[in-house]
Amino acid sequence: MNVEDVVDYKKYSFAGCEREGEPLDLVCRLKGASDVEILPLSIHQTMEKFLTSRSHVSPVRDHRSRAIDFPDSYFSQDELLRSMKV
């Protein structure tokens, strides 16, 4: 996380998608989630709010993480990048 390695026994907060029919401890393909809180907004709305609060955001993907069952670029990711003013 940031410049430190993820520590297995620590708890971290992150945003993810709620996929209909999946158990609450599975968030965006990540198993073992606890204290899950479902908010009344989409991940895209959350990201847009986050990105507009920053003075500079680079629209370059740095490939720190990836979903192996998605192509390198997919609709929602590109839509968010196209809407950013850089």
Protein backbone atom coordinates (compact mmCIF):
# COMPACT_ATOMS: atom_id res chain seq x y z
CA MET A 1 0.00 0.00 0.00
CA ASN A 2 1.59 3.18 -1.24
CA VAL A 3 5.27 2.43 -0.64
CA GLU A 4 4.83 -0.41 1.86
CA ASP A 5 4.13 -4.08 1.16
CA VAL A 6 0.72 -5.44 2.06
CA VAL A 7 0.84 -7.24 5.41
CA ASP A 8 -1.33 -10.37 5.55
CA TYR A 9 -2.62 -9.91 9.12
CA LYS A 10 -3.55 -6.22 8.75
CA LYS A 11 -6.97 -4.93 7.71
CA TYR A 12 -7.26 -2.53 4.78
CA SER A 13 -10.14 -0.53 3.38
CA PHE A 14 -10.89 -0.51 -0.33
CA ALA A 15 -13.75 0.14 -2.69
CA GLY A 16 -15.13 -2.50 -4.96
CA CYS A 17 -18.17 -3.63 -6.85
CA GLU A 18 -21.19 -5.45 -5.50
CA ARG A 19 -21.96 -8.29 -7.87
CA GLU A 20 -25.49 -9.64 -7.61
CA GLY A 21 -25.64 -13.12 -6.15
CA GLU A 22 -22.15 -13.16 -4.64
CA PRO A 23 -21.64 -13.49 -0.88
CA LEU A 24 -20.71 -10.32 1.04
CA ASP A 25 -17.24 -11.67 1.86
CA LEU A 26 -16.38 -11.69 -1.87
CA VAL A 27 -15.76 -8.14 -3.16
CA CYS A 28 -14.67 -7.73 -6.78
CA ARG A 29 -13.22 -11.23 -6.87
CA LEU A 30 -11.33 -10.74 -3.60
CA LYS A 31 -12.26 -13.38 -1.03
CA GLY A 32 -12.30 -12.91 2.73
CA ALA A 33 -13.73 -9.41 3.03
CA SER A 34 -15.08 -8.45 6.45
CA ASP A 35 -17.10 -5.52 7.77
CA VAL A 36 -18.49 -4.95 4.27
CA GLU A 37 -20.47 -1.74 3.86
CA ILE A 38 -22.61 -1.19 0.76
CA LEU A 39 -22.93 2.50 -0.08
CA PRO A 40 -25.67 4.08 -2.23
CA LEU A 41 -23.30 5.06 -5.06
CA SER A 42 -21.32 3.37 -7.79
CA ILE A 43 -17.58 2.80 -7.88
CA HIS A 44 -17.49 5.15 -10.88
CA GLN A 45 -19.14 7.94 -8.90
CA THR A 46 -16.69 7.34 -6.07
CA MET A 47 -13.67 7.41 -8.39
CA GLU A 48 -14.90 10.56 -10.11
CA LYS A 49 -15.31 12.26 -6.73
CA PHE A 50 -11.81 11.12 -5.67
CA LEU A 51 -10.17 12.20 -8.93
CA THR A 52 -11.77 15.64 -8.94
CA SER A 53 -10.37 16.24 -5.44
CA ARG A 54 -6.80 15.89 -6.74
CA SER A 55 -4.90 18.71 -8.43
CA HIS A 56 -3.19 16.39 -10.90
CA VAL A 57 -3.97 12.87 -11.97
CA SER A 58 -2.08 11.13 -14.74
CA PRO A 59 -4.31 9.08 -17.06
CA VAL A 60 -1.54 6.53 -17.59
CA ARG A 61 -2.11 3.00 -16.33
CA ASP A 62 0.80 1.77 -14.25
CA HIS A 63 -0.36 -1.89 -14.18
CA ARG A 64 0.07 -2.36 -10.41
CA SER A 65 -2.92 -4.69 -10.47
CA ARG A 66 -5.01 -6.32 -13.13
CA ALA A 67 -7.91 -8.69 -13.57
CA ILE A 68 -6.76 -11.73 -15.50
CA ASP A 69 -10.27 -12.33 -16.86
CA PHE A 70 -10.56 -8.84 -18.46
CA PRO A 71 -8.82 -7.39 -21.49
CA ASP A 72 -6.18 -4.69 -20.89
CA SER A 73 -8.78 -2.03 -21.57
CA TYR A 74 -12.53 -2.26 -21.06
CA PHE A 75 -15.48 0.12 -21.36
CA SER A 76 -15.87 1.48 -17.82
CA GLN A 77 -12.14 2.05 -17.41
CA ASP A 78 -11.84 3.91 -20.71
CA GLU A 79 -15.01 5.92 -20.05
CA LEU A 80 -13.55 7.19 -16.77
CA LEU A 81 -10.24 8.11 -18.40
CA ARG A 82 -11.96 9.90 -21.30
CA SER A 83 -14.01 12.02 -18.90
CA MET A 84 -10.92 13.23 -17.00
CA LYS A 85 -9.56 16.66 -17.79
CA VAL A 86 -5.77 16.51 -17.76
